[in-house]
Amino acid sequence: MKMTRYGTLWMAAMLTVAGVSGCATKNYVRTQTTPLVEHSDELDKKTADNNRAIQNVDQKATAGISHAQGAADVATQNAQSASQAASTAEVAANEAVHRADSLDSVVKGLDQYKQVADVSVTFGFDKAVLTKDDKDQLDTFAASLGNAKSYILEVTGGTDSTGPAQYNYDLSQRRADAVVQYLAAKYGIQAHRFYLIGIGKDKEVASNDTADGRKQNRRVEVQLLSNSNDQVTQTASNQGAGQQ
């Protein structure tokens, strides 16, 4: 009986120790793992925040790219429209303006027209761009168009003797074009009133042996011709009055 009691007591003691030891182990594990869990939760939260931030940046970048692309597309469309409009206007002007291969064919059959006024503008070497002085001279000439009736404008472009003949034909044509475009755009002159020709270096107005002579040959001459007898008579009278 005594031995049995001791055995029972020993077993109870062992169970108590085991229970205490088990509780201690659980407490230790809990103590060690709780910071790890909390740290893991914190990492998950930071990761989620970073992912949201990356998504926001990506969305903003995508929106910005889309906006920029849209603006670029609009700009491209506007440029294409402007280019098409310019091309259409140029084609229409080229079709309406009378052109010829030589000066003789331009004036052939126009004997009934008489010269009313004229102007000549010069260009820089290998240039086809009007200067301010050129425009001022054309503006003064255009003032005589206000009272003109039944008129045409004979526009003749020329060059000096420098360079190949075909290049000079093209250059003189561009110079004549520059004058026509300026007068037509600023003063609303209908394209059919222009008789346009580029004669290159075929007809010099001064010697090409001097710098001043070559400058005079790099010119565009514009003549206002009218077949209205009243206007021709009035012009002649004005010129006669100025000579008295």
C-alpha atoms as a PDB file:
ATOM      1  CA  MET A   1       0.000   0.000   0.000  1.00  0.00           C
ATOM      2  CA  LYS A   2       2.787   2.409   0.872  1.00  0.00           C
ATOM      3  CA  MET A   3       4.631   1.616  -2.352  1.00  0.00           C
ATOM      4  CA  THR A   4       1.509   2.149  -4.367  1.00  0.00           C
ATOM      5  CA  ARG A   5       0.956   5.513  -2.716  1.00  0.00           C
ATOM      6  CA  TYR A   6       4.506   6.554  -3.497  1.00  0.00           C
ATOM      7  CA  GLY A   7       4.085   5.467  -7.058  1.00  0.00           C
ATOM      8  CA  THR A   8       0.927   7.441  -7.383  1.00  0.00           C
ATOM      9  CA  LEU A   9       2.558  10.503  -5.936  1.00  0.00           C
ATOM     10  CA  TRP A  10       5.554  10.111  -8.252  1.00  0.00           C
ATOM     11  CA  MET A  11       3.345   9.858 -11.280  1.00  0.00           C
ATOM     12  CA  ALA A  12       1.386  12.938 -10.221  1.00  0.00           C
ATOM     13  CA  ALA A  13       4.628  14.825  -9.726  1.00  0.00           C
ATOM     14  CA  MET A  14       5.889  13.814 -13.126  1.00  0.00           C
ATOM     15  CA  LEU A  15       2.648  14.843 -14.761  1.00  0.00           C
ATOM     16  CA  THR A  16       2.792  18.172 -12.971  1.00  0.00           C
ATOM     17  CA  VAL A  17       6.369  18.725 -14.116  1.00  0.00           C
ATOM     18  CA  ALA A  18       5.425  17.699 -17.643  1.00  0.00           C
ATOM     19  CA  GLY A  19       2.479  20.088 -17.570  1.00  0.00           C
ATOM     20  CA  VAL A  20       4.644  22.896 -16.319  1.00  0.00           C
ATOM     21  CA  SER A  21       7.316  22.056 -18.863  1.00  0.00           C
ATOM     22  CA  GLY A  22       4.701  21.964 -21.647  1.00  0.00           C
ATOM     23  CA  CYS A  23       3.318  25.342 -20.705  1.00  0.00           C
ATOM     24  CA  ALA A  24       6.808  26.757 -20.538  1.00  0.00           C
ATOM     25  CA  THR A  25       7.580  25.399 -24.021  1.00  0.00           C
ATOM     26  CA  LYS A  26       4.377  26.852 -25.507  1.00  0.00           C
ATOM     27  CA  ASN A  27       5.090  30.204 -23.903  1.00  0.00           C
ATOM     28  CA  TYR A  28       8.609  30.164 -25.330  1.00  0.00           C
ATOM     29  CA  VAL A  29       7.404  29.282 -28.814  1.00  0.00           C
ATOM     30  CA  ARG A  30       4.722  31.928 -28.616  1.00  0.00           C
ATOM     31  CA  THR A  31       7.265  34.473 -27.444  1.00  0.00           C
ATOM     32  CA  GLN A  32       9.662  33.635 -30.278  1.00  0.00           C
ATOM     33  CA  THR A  33       7.167  33.349 -33.115  1.00  0.00           C
ATOM     34  CA  THR A  34       5.004  36.398 -32.357  1.00  0.00           C
ATOM     35  CA  PRO A  35       7.679  38.907 -33.525  1.00  0.00           C
ATOM     36  CA  LEU A  36       8.184  36.842 -36.668  1.00  0.00           C
ATOM     37  CA  VAL A  37       4.476  36.883 -37.434  1.00  0.00           C
ATOM     38  CA  GLU A  38       4.248  40.590 -36.745  1.00  0.00           C
ATOM     39  CA  HIS A  39       7.312  41.243 -38.914  1.00  0.00           C
ATOM     40  CA  SER A  40       5.835  39.109 -41.683  1.00  0.00           C
ATOM     41  CA  ASP A  41       2.560  41.044 -41.491  1.00  0.00           C
ATOM     42  CA  GLU A  42       4.487  44.306 -41.673  1.00  0.00           C
ATOM     43  CA  LEU A  43       6.374  43.107 -44.748  1.00  0.00           C
ATOM     44  CA  ASP A  44       3.133  42.046 -46.387  1.00  0.00           C
ATOM     45  CA  LYS A  45       1.649  45.479 -45.722  1.00  0.00           C
ATOM     46  CA  LYS A  46       4.705  47.248 -47.139  1.00  0.00           C
ATOM     47  CA  THR A  47       4.677  44.975 -50.143  1.00  0.00           C
ATOM     48  CA  ALA A  48       0.994  45.727 -50.728  1.00  0.00           C
ATOM     49  CA  ASP A  49       1.653  49.470 -50.365  1.00  0.00           C
ATOM     50  CA  ASN A  50       4.555  49.255 -52.818  1.00  0.00           C
ATOM     51  CA  ASN A  51       2.433  47.345 -55.287  1.00  0.00           C
ATOM     52  CA  ARG A  52      -0.296  49.966 -55.072  1.00  0.00           C
ATOM     53  CA  ALA A  53       2.268  52.754 -55.539  1.00  0.00           C
ATOM     54  CA  ILE A  54       3.733  50.987 -58.573  1.00  0.00           C
ATOM     55  CA  GLN A  55       0.260  50.530 -60.045  1.00  0.00           C
ATOM     56  CA  ASN A  56      -0.514  54.228 -59.500  1.00  0.00           C
ATOM     57  CA  VAL A  57       2.716  55.265 -61.199  1.00  0.00           C
ATOM     58  CA  ASP A  58       2.063  52.866 -64.058  1.00  0.00           C
ATOM     59  CA  GLN A  59      -1.472  54.168 -64.508  1.00  0.00           C
ATOM     60  CA  LYS A  60      -0.285  57.776 -64.501  1.00  0.00           C
ATOM     61  CA  ALA A  61       2.497  56.959 -66.949  1.00  0.00           C
ATOM     62  CA  THR A  62       0.088  55.140 -69.228  1.00  0.00           C
ATOM     63  CA  ALA A  63      -2.346  58.058 -69.089  1.00  0.00           C
ATOM     64  CA  GLY A  64       0.477  60.509 -69.830  1.00  0.00           C
ATOM     65  CA  ILE A  65       1.702  58.463 -72.773  1.00  0.00           C
ATOM     66  CA  SER A  66      -1.837  58.174 -74.143  1.00  0.00           C
ATOM     67  CA  HIS A  67      -2.346  61.933 -73.816  1.00  0.00           C
ATOM     68  CA  ALA A  68       0.972  62.692 -75.503  1.00  0.00           C
ATOM     69  CA  GLN A  69       0.231  60.230 -78.293  1.00  0.00           C
ATOM     70  CA  GLY A  70      -3.186  61.778 -78.789  1.00  0.00           C
ATOM     71  CA  ALA A  71      -1.679  65.254 -79.022  1.00  0.00           C
ATOM     72  CA  ALA A  72       0.937  63.997 -81.463  1.00  0.00           C
ATOM     73  CA  ASP A  73      -1.746  62.375 -83.603  1.00  0.00           C
ATOM     74  CA  VAL A  74      -3.749  65.605 -83.678  1.00  0.00           C
ATOM     75  CA  ALA A  75      -0.655  67.605 -84.607  1.00  0.00           C
ATOM     76  CA  THR A  76       0.174  65.141 -87.375  1.00  0.00           C
ATOM     77  CA  GLN A  77      -3.376  65.327 -88.737  1.00  0.00           C
ATOM     78  CA  ASN A  78      -3.276  69.138 -88.676  1.00  0.00           C
ATOM     79  CA  ALA A  79       0.075  69.157 -90.465  1.00  0.00           C
ATOM     80  CA  GLN A  80      -1.197  66.735 -93.091  1.00  0.00           C
ATOM     81  CA  SER A  81      -4.335  68.816 -93.607  1.00  0.00           C
ATOM     82  CA  ALA A  82      -2.273  72.002 -93.970  1.00  0.00           C
ATOM     83  CA  SER A  83       0.078  70.286 -96.396  1.00  0.00           C
ATOM     84  CA  GLN A  84      -2.827  68.972 -98.471  1.00  0.00           C
ATOM     85  CA  ALA A  85      -4.443  72.408 -98.517  1.00  0.00           C
ATOM     86  CA  ALA A  86      -1.181  74.024 -99.618  1.00  0.00           C
ATOM     87  CA  SER A  87      -0.670  71.401-102.309  1.00  0.00           C
ATOM     88  CA  THR A  88      -4.222  71.886-103.571  1.00  0.00           C
ATOM     89  CA  ALA A  89      -3.782  75.663-103.690  1.00  0.00           C
ATOM     90  CA  GLU A  90      -0.466  75.324-105.506  1.00  0.00           C
ATOM     91  CA  VAL A  91      -1.937  72.938-108.069  1.00  0.00           C
ATOM     92  CA  ALA A  92      -4.880  75.268-108.655  1.00  0.00           C
ATOM     93  CA  ALA A  93      -2.569  78.253-109.095  1.00  0.00           C
ATOM     94  CA  ASN A  94      -0.290  76.357-111.458  1.00  0.00           C
ATOM     95  CA  GLU A  95      -3.254  75.287-113.571  1.00  0.00           C
ATOM     96  CA  ALA A  96      -4.731  78.787-113.716  1.00  0.00           C
ATOM     97  CA  VAL A  97      -1.559  80.775-114.408  1.00  0.00           C
ATOM     98  CA  HIS A  98      -0.644  80.988-118.101  1.00  0.00           C
ATOM     99  CA  ARG A  99       2.796  79.536-118.699  1.00  0.00           C
ATOM    100  CA  ALA A 100       4.951  79.385-121.804  1.00  0.00           C
ATOM    101  CA  ASP A 101       8.267  78.017-123.042  1.00  0.00           C
ATOM    102  CA  SER A 102       9.463  81.254-124.580  1.00  0.00           C
ATOM    103  CA  LEU A 103       8.738  84.948-124.372  1.00  0.00           C
ATOM    104  CA  ASP A 104       7.504  85.052-127.960  1.00  0.00           C
ATOM    105  CA  SER A 105       4.694  82.574-127.257  1.00  0.00           C
ATOM    106  CA  VAL A 106       3.589  84.622-124.256  1.00  0.00           C
ATOM    107  CA  VAL A 107       3.058  87.874-126.161  1.00  0.00           C
ATOM    108  CA  LYS A 108       1.941  86.276-129.416  1.00  0.00           C
ATOM    109  CA  GLY A 109      -1.587  87.360-130.223  1.00  0.00           C
ATOM    110  CA  LEU A 110      -1.588  90.066-127.557  1.00  0.00           C
ATOM    111  CA  ASP A 111      -0.817  93.013-129.791  1.00  0.00           C
ATOM    112  CA  GLN A 112      -4.055  94.702-128.753  1.00  0.00           C
ATOM    113  CA  TYR A 113      -2.666  95.054-125.222  1.00  0.00           C
ATOM    114  CA  LYS A 114      -0.653  98.146-124.381  1.00  0.00           C
ATOM    115  CA  GLN A 115       1.782  98.604-121.547  1.00  0.00           C
ATOM    116  CA  VAL A 116       0.387 100.706-118.734  1.00  0.00           C
ATOM    117  CA  ALA A 117       2.971 100.244-115.991  1.00  0.00           C
ATOM    118  CA  ASP A 118       5.954  98.057-115.166  1.00  0.00           C
ATOM    119  CA  VAL A 119       8.345  97.150-112.357  1.00  0.00           C
ATOM    120  CA  SER A 120      11.545  95.120-112.068  1.00  0.00           C
ATOM    121  CA  VAL A 121      12.885  93.473-108.904  1.00  0.00           C
ATOM    122  CA  THR A 122      16.272  91.784-108.504  1.00  0.00           C
ATOM    123  CA  PHE A 123      17.385  88.729-106.537  1.00  0.00           C
ATOM    124  CA  GLY A 124      20.529  87.587-104.773  1.00  0.00           C
ATOM    125  CA  PHE A 125      22.821  85.024-106.368  1.00  0.00           C
ATOM    126  CA  ASP A 126      21.024  81.669-106.694  1.00  0.00           C
ATOM    127  CA  LYS A 127      18.078  83.081-104.702  1.00  0.00           C
ATOM    128  CA  ALA A 128      14.351  83.099-105.420  1.00  0.00           C
ATOM    129  CA  VAL A 129      13.150  84.901-102.283  1.00  0.00           C
ATOM    130  CA  LEU A 130      11.743  88.419-102.299  1.00  0.00           C
ATOM    131  CA  THR A 131      13.523  90.969-100.124  1.00  0.00           C
ATOM    132  CA  LYS A 132      11.782  93.781 -98.261  1.00  0.00           C
ATOM    133  CA  ASP A 133      12.891  96.221-100.968  1.00  0.00           C
ATOM    134  CA  ASP A 134      11.421  93.929-103.640  1.00  0.00           C
ATOM    135  CA  LYS A 135       8.100  93.821-101.810  1.00  0.00           C
ATOM    136  CA  ASP A 136       8.066  97.604-101.410  1.00  0.00           C
ATOM    137  CA  GLN A 137       8.556  98.016-105.161  1.00  0.00           C
ATOM    138  CA  LEU A 138       5.797  95.519-105.918  1.00  0.00           C
ATOM    139  CA  ASP A 139       3.490  97.311-103.477  1.00  0.00           C
ATOM    140  CA  THR A 140       4.078 100.601-105.321  1.00  0.00           C
ATOM    141  CA  PHE A 141       3.419  98.871-108.628  1.00  0.00           C
ATOM    142  CA  ALA A 142       0.244  97.228-107.312  1.00  0.00           C
ATOM    143  CA  ALA A 143      -1.214 100.655-106.583  1.00  0.00           C
ATOM    144  CA  SER A 144      -1.640 101.092-110.350  1.00  0.00           C
ATOM    145  CA  LEU A 145      -3.907  98.041-110.479  1.00  0.00           C
ATOM    146  CA  GLY A 146      -6.720  99.801-108.645  1.00  0.00           C
ATOM    147  CA  ASN A 147      -8.038 101.536-111.777  1.00  0.00           C
ATOM    148  CA  ALA A 148      -6.890  98.923-114.269  1.00  0.00           C
ATOM    149  CA  LYS A 149      -9.478  97.406-116.607  1.00  0.00           C
ATOM    150  CA  SER A 150      -9.184  94.427-118.933  1.00  0.00           C
ATOM    151  CA  TYR A 151      -5.580  93.912-117.958  1.00  0.00           C
ATOM    152  CA  ILE A 152      -3.046  91.121-117.759  1.00  0.00           C
ATOM    153  CA  LEU A 153       0.299  90.922-115.992  1.00  0.00           C
ATOM    154  CA  GLU A 154       3.249  89.655-117.980  1.00  0.00           C
ATOM    155  CA  VAL A 155       5.805  88.276-115.495  1.00  0.00           C
ATOM    156  CA  THR A 156       9.252  87.422-116.867  1.00  0.00           C
ATOM    157  CA  GLY A 157      11.981  85.858-114.733  1.00  0.00           C
ATOM    158  CA  GLY A 158      15.652  85.954-115.667  1.00  0.00           C
ATOM    159  CA  THR A 159      19.117  84.982-114.397  1.00  0.00           C
ATOM    160  CA  ASP A 160      22.718  85.889-114.988  1.00  0.00           C
ATOM    161  CA  SER A 161      24.968  83.691-117.143  1.00  0.00           C
ATOM    162  CA  THR A 162      26.396  81.652-114.253  1.00  0.00           C
ATOM    163  CA  GLY A 163      25.528  77.951-114.228  1.00  0.00           C
ATOM    164  CA  PRO A 164      23.894  75.437-116.614  1.00  0.00           C
ATOM    165  CA  ALA A 165      21.111  76.607-118.902  1.00  0.00           C
ATOM    166  CA  GLN A 166      18.431  74.213-117.575  1.00  0.00           C
ATOM    167  CA  TYR A 167      19.184  75.137-113.951  1.00  0.00           C
ATOM    168  CA  ASN A 168      18.808  78.809-114.844  1.00  0.00           C
ATOM    169  CA  TYR A 169      15.471  78.162-116.568  1.00  0.00           C
ATOM    170  CA  ASP A 170      14.200  76.530-113.376  1.00  0.00           C
ATOM    171  CA  LEU A 171      15.646  79.282-111.186  1.00  0.00           C
ATOM    172  CA  SER A 172      14.100  82.050-113.284  1.00  0.00           C
ATOM    173  CA  GLN A 173      10.761  80.238-113.112  1.00  0.00           C
ATOM    174  CA  ARG A 174      10.953  80.094-109.308  1.00  0.00           C
ATOM    175  CA  ARG A 175      11.708  83.804-109.193  1.00  0.00           C
ATOM    176  CA  ALA A 176       8.692  84.587-111.360  1.00  0.00           C
ATOM    177  CA  ASP A 177       6.583  82.284-109.168  1.00  0.00           C
ATOM    178  CA  ALA A 178       7.664  84.218-106.057  1.00  0.00           C
ATOM    179  CA  VAL A 179       6.442  87.485-107.562  1.00  0.00           C
ATOM    180  CA  VAL A 180       3.140  86.000-108.740  1.00  0.00           C
ATOM    181  CA  GLN A 181       2.432  84.400-105.372  1.00  0.00           C
ATOM    182  CA  TYR A 182       3.148  87.660-103.533  1.00  0.00           C
ATOM    183  CA  LEU A 183       0.885  89.777-105.751  1.00  0.00           C
ATOM    184  CA  ALA A 184      -1.886  87.171-105.860  1.00  0.00           C
ATOM    185  CA  ALA A 185      -1.881  86.602-102.096  1.00  0.00           C
ATOM    186  CA  LYS A 186      -1.648  90.230-100.995  1.00  0.00           C
ATOM    187  CA  TYR A 187      -3.803  91.916-103.596  1.00  0.00           C
ATOM    188  CA  GLY A 188      -6.223  89.153-104.561  1.00  0.00           C
ATOM    189  CA  ILE A 189      -5.274  89.189-108.228  1.00  0.00           C
ATOM    190  CA  GLN A 190      -6.901  86.318-110.099  1.00  0.00           C
ATOM    191  CA  ALA A 191      -4.455  83.741-111.359  1.00  0.00           C
ATOM    192  CA  HIS A 192      -5.745  83.888-114.951  1.00  0.00           C
ATOM    193  CA  ARG A 193      -4.460  87.464-115.263  1.00  0.00           C
ATOM    194  CA  PHE A 194      -0.837  86.333-115.025  1.00  0.00           C
ATOM    195  CA  TYR A 195       1.248  85.367-118.035  1.00  0.00           C
ATOM    196  CA  LEU A 196       4.288  83.768-116.476  1.00  0.00           C
ATOM    197  CA  ILE A 197       7.616  82.769-118.024  1.00  0.00           C
ATOM    198  CA  GLY A 198      11.163  81.972-116.960  1.00  0.00           C
ATOM    199  CA  ILE A 199      13.719  82.773-119.670  1.00  0.00           C
ATOM    200  CA  GLY A 200      16.838  81.865-117.711  1.00  0.00           C
ATOM    201  CA  LYS A 201      19.904  83.609-119.101  1.00  0.00           C
ATOM    202  CA  ASP A 202      18.519  83.861-122.646  1.00  0.00           C
ATOM    203  CA  LYS A 203      17.763  87.577-122.546  1.00  0.00           C
ATOM    204  CA  GLU A 204      20.192  89.745-120.632  1.00  0.00           C
ATOM    205  CA  VAL A 205      19.414  93.359-119.791  1.00  0.00           C
ATOM    206  CA  ALA A 206      23.007  94.184-118.845  1.00  0.00           C
ATOM    207  CA  SER A 207      26.473  92.763-119.408  1.00  0.00           C
ATOM    208  CA  ASN A 208      27.289  89.642-117.401  1.00  0.00           C
ATOM    209  CA  ASP A 209      30.946  90.702-117.337  1.00  0.00           C
ATOM    210  CA  THR A 210      30.394  92.900-114.268  1.00  0.00           C
ATOM    211  CA  ALA A 211      28.895  92.240-110.836  1.00  0.00           C
ATOM    212  CA  ASP A 212      26.382  95.043-111.307  1.00  0.00           C
ATOM    213  CA  GLY A 213      25.353  93.710-114.697  1.00  0.00           C
ATOM    214  CA  ARG A 214      24.844  90.180-113.342  1.00  0.00           C
ATOM    215  CA  LYS A 215      22.739  91.635-110.522  1.00  0.00           C
ATOM    216  CA  GLN A 216      20.477  93.387-113.040  1.00  0.00           C
ATOM    217  CA  ASN A 217      20.027  90.134-114.951  1.00  0.00           C
ATOM    218  CA  ARG A 218      18.900  88.298-111.802  1.00  0.00           C
ATOM    219  CA  ARG A 219      15.508  89.942-112.061  1.00  0.00           C
ATOM    220  CA  VAL A 220      11.788  89.553-112.560  1.00  0.00           C
ATOM    221  CA  GLU A 221      10.057  92.071-114.785  1.00  0.00           C
ATOM    222  CA  VAL A 222       6.334  92.694-114.399  1.00  0.00           C
ATOM    223  CA  GLN A 223       4.371  94.574-117.059  1.00  0.00           C
ATOM    224  CA  LEU A 224       0.792  95.718-116.657  1.00  0.00           C
ATOM    225  CA  LEU A 225      -0.858  95.415-120.073  1.00  0.00           C
ATOM    226  CA  SER A 226      -4.361  96.628-120.850  1.00  0.00           C
ATOM    227  CA  ASN A 227      -6.580  96.503-123.942  1.00  0.00           C
ATOM    228  CA  SER A 228      -8.889  99.220-122.605  1.00  0.00           C
ATOM    229  CA  ASN A 229      -8.612 102.264-124.887  1.00  0.00           C
ATOM    230  CA  ASP A 230      -9.783 104.598-122.141  1.00  0.00           C
ATOM    231  CA  GLN A 231      -7.070 103.482-119.780  1.00  0.00           C
ATOM    232  CA  VAL A 232      -4.330 103.553-122.430  1.00  0.00           C
ATOM    233  CA  THR A 233      -5.341 107.069-123.455  1.00  0.00           C
ATOM    234  CA  GLN A 234      -5.484 108.224-119.842  1.00  0.00           C
ATOM    235  CA  THR A 235      -2.064 106.756-119.110  1.00  0.00           C
ATOM    236  CA  ALA A 236      -0.563 108.396-122.164  1.00  0.00           C
ATOM    237  CA  SER A 237      -2.092 111.741-121.127  1.00  0.00           C
ATOM    238  CA  ASN A 238      -0.675 111.420-117.629  1.00  0.00           C
ATOM    239  CA  GLN A 239       2.754 110.609-118.999  1.00  0.00           C
ATOM    240  CA  GLY A 240       2.549 113.584-121.380  1.00  0.00           C
ATOM    241  CA  ALA A 241       1.486 115.908-118.581  1.00  0.00           C
ATOM    242  CA  GLY A 242       4.415 114.779-116.500  1.00  0.00           C
ATOM    243  CA  GLN A 243       6.843 115.632-119.301  1.00  0.00           C
ATOM    244  CA  GLN A 244       5.597 119.212-119.748  1.00  0.00           C
END
